Protein backbone atom coordinates (compact mmCIF):
# COMPACT_ATOMS: atom_id res chain seq x y z
CA UNK A 1 -7.47 -10.59 -5.61
CA UNK A 2 -7.89 -7.30 -3.79
CA UNK A 3 -6.42 -6.17 -0.48
CA UNK A 4 -7.13 -2.96 1.39
CA UNK A 5 -4.33 -1.95 3.73
CA UNK A 6 -4.31 0.75 6.40
CA UNK A 7 -0.92 1.66 7.84
CA UNK A 8 -0.32 3.54 11.11
CA UNK A 9 2.85 5.11 12.44
CA UNK A 10 5.23 7.69 11.02
CA UNK A 11 4.14 7.05 7.44
CA UNK A 12 3.45 10.49 5.98
CA UNK A 13 6.17 12.76 4.63
CA UNK A 14 8.65 9.86 4.45
CA UNK A 15 8.19 8.84 0.78
CA UNK A 16 5.80 6.05 1.75
CA UNK A 17 3.38 6.71 -1.12
CA UNK A 18 6.11 7.12 -3.74
CA UNK A 19 7.94 3.95 -2.73
CA UNK A 20 4.67 2.00 -2.51
CA UNK A 21 3.72 3.15 -6.01
CA UNK A 22 7.14 2.12 -7.36
CA UNK A 23 6.96 -1.34 -5.77
CA UNK A 24 3.33 -1.92 -6.74
CA UNK A 25 4.10 -1.16 -10.38
CA UNK A 26 7.16 -3.44 -10.29
CA UNK A 27 4.88 -6.23 -9.00
CA UNK A 28 2.25 -5.50 -11.70
CA UNK A 29 -0.33 -4.46 -9.10
CA UNK A 30 -3.17 -2.02 -9.72
CA UNK A 31 -4.89 0.26 -7.21
CA UNK A 32 -3.86 3.34 -5.28
CA UNK A 33 -2.15 4.71 -2.19
CA UNK A 34 -3.21 7.84 -0.31
CA UNK A 35 -2.59 9.79 2.88
CA UNK A 36 -5.51 9.96 5.30
CA UNK A 37 -6.35 12.95 7.49
CA UNK A 38 -5.78 10.68 10.51
CA UNK A 39 -2.05 10.49 9.70
CA UNK A 40 -2.37 6.96 8.35
CA UNK A 41 -1.80 5.73 4.82
CA UNK A 42 -4.37 3.65 2.93
CA UNK A 43 -3.48 1.44 -0.01
CA UNK A 44 -5.56 -0.79 -2.24
CA UNK A 45 -3.78 -3.49 -4.18
CA UNK A 46 -5.24 -5.67 -6.92
CA UNK A 47 -3.44 -8.43 -8.74
CA UNK A 48 -1.82 -11.81 -8.23
CA UNK A 49 -2.10 -13.11 -4.67
CA UNK A 50 1.64 -13.75 -4.28
CA UNK A 51 2.50 -10.19 -5.40
CA UNK A 52 -0.04 -8.68 -3.01
CA UNK A 53 1.48 -10.78 -0.23
CA UNK A 54 4.97 -9.53 -1.16
CA UNK A 55 4.02 -5.86 -0.89
CA UNK A 56 2.11 -6.42 2.36
CA UNK A 57 5.17 -8.15 3.84
CA UNK A 58 7.34 -5.20 2.76
CA UNK A 59 4.91 -2.82 4.51
CA UNK A 60 4.82 -4.96 7.67
CA UNK A 61 8.64 -5.06 7.67
CA UNK A 62 8.68 -1.26 7.92
CA UNK A 63 8.18 0.07 4.39
CA UNK A 64 10.54 2.83 3.20
CA UNK A 65 13.71 3.51 5.13
CA UNK A 66 12.43 6.70 6.80
CA UNK A 67 9.03 5.27 7.79
CA UNK A 68 8.12 3.82 11.17
CA UNK A 69 5.27 1.35 10.74
CA UNK A 70 3.46 0.66 14.00
CA UNK A 71 0.35 -1.18 12.80
CA UNK A 72 -0.93 -2.70 9.55
CA UNK A 73 -4.58 -3.63 9.06
CA UNK A 74 -5.38 -5.78 6.03
CA UNK A 75 -8.79 -6.74 4.69
CA UNK A 76 -9.61 -8.66 1.56
CA UNK A 77 -12.49 -7.54 -0.62
CA UNK A 78 -14.13 -8.34 -3.88
CA UNK A 79 -11.95 -7.32 -6.78
CA UNK A 80 -12.63 -4.03 -8.52
CA UNK A 81 -11.05 -3.18 -11.81
CA UNK A 82 -8.26 -0.62 -11.56
CA UNK A 83 -6.24 -0.20 -14.73
CA UNK A 84 -3.07 1.09 -13.10
CA UNK A 85 -1.51 2.06 -9.78
CA UNK A 86 -1.42 5.68 -8.70
CA UNK A 87 -0.93 8.04 -5.80
CA UNK A 88 -4.12 9.81 -4.76
CA UNK A 89 -3.75 13.38 -3.52
């Protein structure tokens, strides 16, 4: 399963990418997380459906302590093959 997630709010400069990477790896998810020029964060998660749902719920609940999540857009796509999870710069 693959989910693409776009997060709006105060989500840059608050360890959002680092914490997302840590949690994705703990859930055995592959993909990436990156800051967008719009001030949003984009993440792509691939893996078991229940683990993708867990990380999406964490994001919707506010993500890292310093973040302020205002909106979360989720779309499901065809699976691509990522071999790991990383932060894109």
